[in-house]
Amino acid sequence: MTSSERSGLPLPDFDQLPVGTLEHRIRSLGADDVDRLLRYEHEHADRANVVQILESRKRRLDEGATPSGGDPRGFRPEQPGPARGGSHVSPATSPEPSSPPPHGTPDQRGKPKGDRTI
């Protein structure tokens, strides 16, 4: 895909937008812009959930809904936050070392459980 194809879209980096935010981002778009995104989606990834969101918004606009205020071009795609690394475990928070309980020793033989007749 060329950068000129992307630059003609009403939402910057449309391909990288999380699907969960798409419904909110397209509220400020008019019917022509939603149509353009819909055509682009069909020609490229054709993701069923994205097509469904775009078609639903287009239907609402055709029924008389008006675009909300705001400019979707001013937003940037969400980026994951910084990774939280490191461990909160320290010698002060570690438990005291312990030995596992003994499970028998070679000196102690098992005792019969009584009369087991089958």
N, C-alpha and C. Protein backbone atom coordinates (compact mmCIF):
# COMPACT_ATOMS: atom_id res chain seq x y z
N MET A 1 0.85 -1.17 0.00
CA MET A 1 0.00 0.00 0.00
C MET A 1 0.89 1.22 0.00
N THR A 2 0.53 2.21 -0.77
CA THR A 2 1.34 3.41 -0.90
C THR A 2 0.93 4.44 0.13
N SER A 3 1.83 5.37 0.40
CA SER A 3 1.52 6.41 1.37
C SER A 3 0.43 7.35 0.85
N SER A 4 0.32 7.47 -0.48
CA SER A 4 -0.73 8.33 -1.03
C SER A 4 -2.11 7.73 -0.78
N GLU A 5 -2.21 6.39 -0.79
CA GLU A 5 -3.48 5.75 -0.45
C GLU A 5 -3.86 6.06 1.00
N ARG A 6 -2.89 5.95 1.86
CA ARG A 6 -3.15 6.22 3.28
C ARG A 6 -3.44 7.68 3.54
N SER A 7 -2.75 8.57 2.84
CA SER A 7 -2.93 10.00 3.09
C SER A 7 -4.31 10.46 2.67
N GLY A 8 -4.97 9.77 1.77
CA GLY A 8 -6.30 10.14 1.33
C GLY A 8 -7.39 9.69 2.29
N LEU A 9 -7.03 8.94 3.31
CA LEU A 9 -8.03 8.44 4.26
C LEU A 9 -8.35 9.50 5.31
N PRO A 10 -9.60 9.55 5.77
CA PRO A 10 -9.98 10.54 6.76
C PRO A 10 -9.44 10.25 8.16
N LEU A 11 -8.97 9.04 8.41
CA LEU A 11 -8.35 8.70 9.70
C LEU A 11 -6.90 8.33 9.46
N PRO A 12 -5.98 9.03 10.10
CA PRO A 12 -4.57 8.69 9.91
C PRO A 12 -4.28 7.31 10.51
N ASP A 13 -3.44 6.57 9.86
CA ASP A 13 -3.05 5.22 10.32
C ASP A 13 -4.25 4.34 10.58
N PHE A 14 -5.23 4.40 9.70
CA PHE A 14 -6.46 3.62 9.84
C PHE A 14 -6.16 2.13 10.02
N ASP A 15 -5.14 1.63 9.31
CA ASP A 15 -4.81 0.20 9.38
C ASP A 15 -4.32 -0.22 10.76
N GLN A 16 -3.71 0.69 11.49
CA GLN A 16 -3.13 0.34 12.78
C GLN A 16 -4.04 0.68 13.97
N LEU A 17 -5.20 1.27 13.71
CA LEU A 17 -6.08 1.62 14.82
C LEU A 17 -6.65 0.36 15.47
N PRO A 18 -6.67 0.31 16.81
CA PRO A 18 -7.34 -0.82 17.47
C PRO A 18 -8.83 -0.79 17.13
N VAL A 19 -9.39 -1.94 16.85
CA VAL A 19 -10.79 -2.03 16.45
C VAL A 19 -11.69 -1.46 17.54
N GLY A 20 -11.31 -1.62 18.79
CA GLY A 20 -12.12 -1.12 19.89
C GLY A 20 -12.28 0.39 19.90
N THR A 21 -11.36 1.13 19.30
CA THR A 21 -11.46 2.59 19.29
C THR A 21 -12.07 3.12 17.99
N LEU A 22 -12.20 2.25 17.02
CA LEU A 22 -12.69 2.69 15.70
C LEU A 22 -14.09 3.28 15.78
N GLU A 23 -14.97 2.65 16.53
CA GLU A 23 -16.35 3.13 16.63
C GLU A 23 -16.40 4.56 17.16
N HIS A 24 -15.53 4.89 18.09
CA HIS A 24 -15.50 6.24 18.65
C HIS A 24 -14.84 7.23 17.68
N ARG A 25 -13.84 6.77 16.94
CA ARG A 25 -13.12 7.65 16.03
C ARG A 25 -13.96 8.07 14.84
N ILE A 26 -14.86 7.22 14.38
CA ILE A 26 -15.61 7.54 13.16
C ILE A 26 -16.85 8.37 13.44
N ARG A 27 -17.15 8.66 14.70
CA ARG A 27 -18.35 9.45 15.02
C ARG A 27 -18.31 10.86 14.45
N SER A 28 -17.12 11.39 14.25
CA SER A 28 -17.02 12.75 13.74
C SER A 28 -16.97 12.80 12.21
N LEU A 29 -17.01 11.63 11.56
CA LEU A 29 -16.92 11.59 10.10
C LEU A 29 -18.30 11.67 9.45
N GLY A 30 -18.34 12.25 8.28
CA GLY A 30 -19.56 12.29 7.49
C GLY A 30 -19.71 11.01 6.67
N ALA A 31 -20.83 10.91 5.97
CA ALA A 31 -21.14 9.70 5.20
C ALA A 31 -20.11 9.44 4.11
N ASP A 32 -19.62 10.50 3.45
CA ASP A 32 -18.63 10.30 2.38
C ASP A 32 -17.33 9.72 2.93
N ASP A 33 -16.90 10.21 4.10
CA ASP A 33 -15.67 9.70 4.70
C ASP A 33 -15.84 8.25 5.14
N VAL A 34 -16.99 7.92 5.70
CA VAL A 34 -17.24 6.53 6.12
C VAL A 34 -17.27 5.63 4.89
N ASP A 35 -17.87 6.10 3.80
CA ASP A 35 -17.86 5.33 2.55
C ASP A 35 -16.44 5.08 2.06
N ARG A 36 -15.60 6.11 2.14
CA ARG A 36 -14.22 5.97 1.68
C ARG A 36 -13.47 4.93 2.53
N LEU A 37 -13.68 4.96 3.84
CA LEU A 37 -13.04 3.97 4.71
C LEU A 37 -13.57 2.56 4.41
N LEU A 38 -14.85 2.47 4.15
CA LEU A 38 -15.46 1.19 3.85
C LEU A 38 -14.89 0.59 2.56
N ARG A 39 -14.77 1.41 1.54
CA ARG A 39 -14.18 0.94 0.27
C ARG A 39 -12.73 0.50 0.49
N TYR A 40 -11.98 1.32 1.22
CA TYR A 40 -10.58 1.00 1.50
C TYR A 40 -10.48 -0.34 2.25
N GLU A 41 -11.33 -0.52 3.24
CA GLU A 41 -11.29 -1.76 4.03
C GLU A 41 -11.62 -2.97 3.16
N HIS A 42 -12.61 -2.85 2.29
CA HIS A 42 -12.95 -3.96 1.40
C HIS A 42 -11.80 -4.28 0.44
N GLU A 43 -11.08 -3.27 -0.01
CA GLU A 43 -9.99 -3.47 -0.97
C GLU A 43 -8.72 -4.00 -0.31
N HIS A 44 -8.58 -3.83 0.99
CA HIS A 44 -7.33 -4.21 1.64
C HIS A 44 -7.53 -5.38 2.61
N ALA A 45 -7.76 -5.11 3.86
CA ALA A 45 -7.82 -6.17 4.86
C ALA A 45 -9.17 -6.89 4.89
N ASP A 46 -10.25 -6.16 4.62
CA ASP A 46 -11.61 -6.71 4.63
C ASP A 46 -11.92 -7.45 5.92
N ARG A 47 -11.61 -6.79 7.05
CA ARG A 47 -11.88 -7.37 8.38
C ARG A 47 -13.37 -7.27 8.66
N ALA A 48 -13.99 -8.39 8.98
CA ALA A 48 -15.44 -8.44 9.16
C ALA A 48 -15.92 -7.50 10.26
N ASN A 49 -15.21 -7.45 11.39
CA ASN A 49 -15.66 -6.59 12.49
C ASN A 49 -15.53 -5.10 12.13
N VAL A 50 -14.51 -4.74 11.37
CA VAL A 50 -14.34 -3.34 10.95
C VAL A 50 -15.43 -2.97 9.94
N VAL A 51 -15.70 -3.86 9.00
CA VAL A 51 -16.75 -3.61 8.00
C VAL A 51 -18.10 -3.45 8.71
N GLN A 52 -18.35 -4.28 9.71
CA GLN A 52 -19.61 -4.19 10.44
C GLN A 52 -19.75 -2.84 11.15
N ILE A 53 -18.70 -2.37 11.78
CA ILE A 53 -18.73 -1.08 12.47
C ILE A 53 -18.97 0.06 11.48
N LEU A 54 -18.26 0.02 10.35
CA LEU A 54 -18.40 1.07 9.36
C LEU A 54 -19.79 1.06 8.72
N GLU A 55 -20.30 -0.12 8.40
CA GLU A 55 -21.64 -0.20 7.81
C GLU A 55 -22.71 0.27 8.79
N SER A 56 -22.55 -0.06 10.06
CA SER A 56 -23.51 0.38 11.07
C SER A 56 -23.52 1.90 11.19
N ARG A 57 -22.34 2.50 11.19
CA ARG A 57 -22.26 3.97 11.27
C ARG A 57 -22.85 4.61 10.02
N LYS A 58 -22.58 4.03 8.87
CA LYS A 58 -23.13 4.56 7.61
C LYS A 58 -24.65 4.52 7.64
N ARG A 59 -25.22 3.41 8.14
CA ARG A 59 -26.67 3.30 8.25
C ARG A 59 -27.25 4.39 9.14
N ARG A 60 -26.59 4.63 10.28
CA ARG A 60 -27.07 5.67 11.20
C ARG A 60 -27.00 7.05 10.56
N LEU A 61 -25.93 7.31 9.81
CA LEU A 61 -25.82 8.60 9.13
C LEU A 61 -26.90 8.74 8.07
N ASP A 62 -27.18 7.66 7.35
CA ASP A 62 -28.24 7.69 6.33
C ASP A 62 -29.61 7.90 6.95
N GLU A 63 -29.78 7.47 8.22
CA GLU A 63 -31.05 7.64 8.92
C GLU A 63 -31.19 9.01 9.56
N GLY A 64 -30.16 9.86 9.44
CA GLY A 64 -30.27 11.21 9.95
C GLY A 64 -29.34 11.58 11.09
N ALA A 65 -28.50 10.65 11.53
CA ALA A 65 -27.54 10.98 12.59
C ALA A 65 -26.57 12.04 12.06
N THR A 66 -26.10 12.89 12.96
CA THR A 66 -25.15 13.91 12.55
C THR A 66 -23.79 13.59 13.15
N PRO A 67 -22.73 13.91 12.42
CA PRO A 67 -21.39 13.68 12.97
C PRO A 67 -21.17 14.52 14.22
N SER A 68 -20.44 13.96 15.17
CA SER A 68 -20.13 14.70 16.39
C SER A 68 -18.99 15.67 16.10
N GLY A 69 -18.74 16.54 17.03
CA GLY A 69 -17.65 17.50 16.86
C GLY A 69 -16.31 16.82 17.04
N GLY A 70 -15.27 17.53 16.73
CA GLY A 70 -13.93 17.00 16.90
C GLY A 70 -13.29 16.66 15.57
N ASP A 71 -12.00 16.49 15.61
CA ASP A 71 -11.24 16.17 14.41
C ASP A 71 -10.49 14.87 14.65
N PRO A 72 -10.89 13.76 14.00
CA PRO A 72 -10.21 12.49 14.23
C PRO A 72 -8.77 12.48 13.76
N ARG A 73 -8.40 13.43 12.89
CA ARG A 73 -7.02 13.48 12.42
C ARG A 73 -6.06 13.96 13.49
N GLY A 74 -6.58 14.60 14.53
CA GLY A 74 -5.72 15.10 15.59
C GLY A 74 -5.29 14.02 16.56
N PHE A 75 -5.90 12.86 16.47
CA PHE A 75 -5.56 11.77 17.39
C PHE A 75 -4.47 10.92 16.80
N ARG A 76 -3.73 10.30 17.67
CA ARG A 76 -2.73 9.32 17.24
C ARG A 76 -3.20 7.95 17.70
N PRO A 77 -2.82 6.91 16.98
CA PRO A 77 -3.19 5.57 17.43
C PRO A 77 -2.62 5.30 18.82
N GLU A 78 -3.33 4.53 19.57
CA GLU A 78 -2.88 4.20 20.92
C GLU A 78 -1.59 3.41 20.85
N GLN A 79 -0.71 3.73 21.70
CA GLN A 79 0.54 3.01 21.82
C GLN A 79 0.55 2.31 23.17
N PRO A 80 1.08 1.11 23.23
CA PRO A 80 1.14 0.46 24.53
C PRO A 80 2.00 1.26 25.48
N GLY A 81 1.63 1.25 26.73
CA GLY A 81 2.39 1.97 27.74
C GLY A 81 3.74 1.32 27.96
N PRO A 82 4.57 1.97 28.74
CA PRO A 82 5.89 1.39 28.99
C PRO A 82 5.74 0.07 29.75
N ALA A 83 6.62 -0.85 29.41
CA ALA A 83 6.58 -2.15 30.07
C ALA A 83 6.98 -2.00 31.54
N ARG A 84 6.22 -2.66 32.35
CA ARG A 84 6.56 -2.65 33.78
C ARG A 84 7.43 -3.85 34.04
N GLY A 85 8.67 -3.60 34.21
CA GLY A 85 9.61 -4.70 34.42
C GLY A 85 10.11 -4.72 35.84
N GLY A 86 10.91 -5.69 36.10
CA GLY A 86 11.50 -5.79 37.43
C GLY A 86 10.61 -6.56 38.37
N SER A 87 11.18 -6.99 39.42
CA SER A 87 10.46 -7.78 40.41
C SER A 87 10.36 -6.99 41.71
N HIS A 88 9.24 -7.16 42.36
CA HIS A 88 9.06 -6.50 43.65
C HIS A 88 9.56 -7.39 44.79
N VAL A 89 10.11 -8.54 44.45
CA VAL A 89 10.62 -9.45 45.45
C VAL A 89 12.02 -9.00 45.85
N SER A 90 12.25 -8.96 47.13
CA SER A 90 13.57 -8.60 47.64
C SER A 90 13.85 -9.51 48.83
N PRO A 91 15.06 -9.51 49.32
CA PRO A 91 15.34 -10.34 50.50
C PRO A 91 14.41 -9.99 51.67
N ALA A 92 13.98 -8.75 51.76
CA ALA A 92 13.10 -8.36 52.86
C ALA A 92 11.70 -8.96 52.71
N THR A 93 11.26 -9.21 51.47
CA THR A 93 9.92 -9.74 51.27
C THR A 93 9.91 -11.25 51.00
N SER A 94 11.08 -11.87 50.94
CA SER A 94 11.15 -13.31 50.68
C SER A 94 10.84 -14.09 51.95
N PRO A 95 10.21 -15.26 51.82
CA PRO A 95 9.95 -16.07 53.01
C PRO A 95 11.24 -16.70 53.52
N GLU A 96 11.19 -17.14 54.76
CA GLU A 96 12.35 -17.83 55.35
C GLU A 96 12.50 -19.17 54.65
N PRO A 97 13.73 -19.62 54.42
CA PRO A 97 13.91 -20.92 53.79
C PRO A 97 13.40 -22.03 54.71
N SER A 98 12.85 -23.06 54.14
CA SER A 98 12.37 -24.18 54.95
C SER A 98 12.70 -25.48 54.24
N SER A 99 12.73 -26.53 55.01
CA SER A 99 12.99 -27.86 54.46
C SER A 99 11.66 -28.55 54.23
N PRO A 100 11.54 -29.32 53.18
CA PRO A 100 10.30 -30.03 52.97
C PRO A 100 10.12 -31.10 54.06
N PRO A 101 8.90 -31.46 54.38
CA PRO A 101 8.70 -32.49 55.41
C PRO A 101 9.22 -33.84 54.93
N PRO A 102 9.73 -34.66 55.86
CA PRO A 102 10.24 -35.98 55.45
C PRO A 102 9.09 -36.89 55.04
N HIS A 103 9.32 -37.69 54.04
CA HIS A 103 8.31 -38.62 53.56
C HIS A 103 8.77 -40.05 53.75
N GLY A 104 9.40 -40.29 54.82
CA GLY A 104 9.89 -41.64 55.11
C GLY A 104 11.39 -41.70 54.95
N THR A 105 11.96 -42.62 55.65
CA THR A 105 13.41 -42.82 55.56
C THR A 105 13.65 -44.30 55.31
N PRO A 106 14.84 -44.64 54.83
CA PRO A 106 15.11 -46.06 54.58
C PRO A 106 15.05 -46.91 55.85
N ASP A 107 15.25 -46.30 57.01
CA ASP A 107 15.25 -47.06 58.27
C ASP A 107 13.84 -47.45 58.70
N GLN A 108 12.85 -46.75 58.29
CA GLN A 108 11.48 -47.01 58.73
C GLN A 108 10.70 -47.66 57.60
N ARG A 109 10.37 -48.89 57.78
CA ARG A 109 9.60 -49.62 56.78
C ARG A 109 8.13 -49.32 56.97
N GLY A 110 7.37 -49.42 55.91
CA GLY A 110 5.94 -49.22 55.99
C GLY A 110 5.26 -50.32 56.78
N LYS A 111 4.22 -49.99 57.48
CA LYS A 111 3.48 -50.97 58.28
C LYS A 111 2.23 -51.38 57.52
N PRO A 112 1.81 -52.64 57.66
CA PRO A 112 0.58 -53.06 56.99
C PRO A 112 -0.62 -52.30 57.53
N LYS A 113 -1.60 -52.09 56.70
CA LYS A 113 -2.80 -51.33 57.06
C LYS A 113 -3.87 -52.21 57.68
N GLY A 114 -3.57 -53.38 58.01
CA GLY A 114 -4.59 -54.26 58.58
C GLY A 114 -4.88 -55.38 57.60
N ASP A 115 -5.94 -56.10 57.90
CA ASP A 115 -6.30 -57.24 57.07
C ASP A 115 -7.03 -56.76 55.82
N ARG A 116 -6.37 -56.87 54.69
CA ARG A 116 -6.97 -56.45 53.42
C ARG A 116 -7.25 -57.71 52.58
N THR A 117 -8.46 -58.13 52.64
CA THR A 117 -8.84 -59.28 51.81
C THR A 117 -9.80 -58.79 50.74
N ILE A 118 -9.61 -59.29 49.61
CA ILE A 118 -10.47 -58.88 48.51
C ILE A 118 -11.36 -59.99 48.07
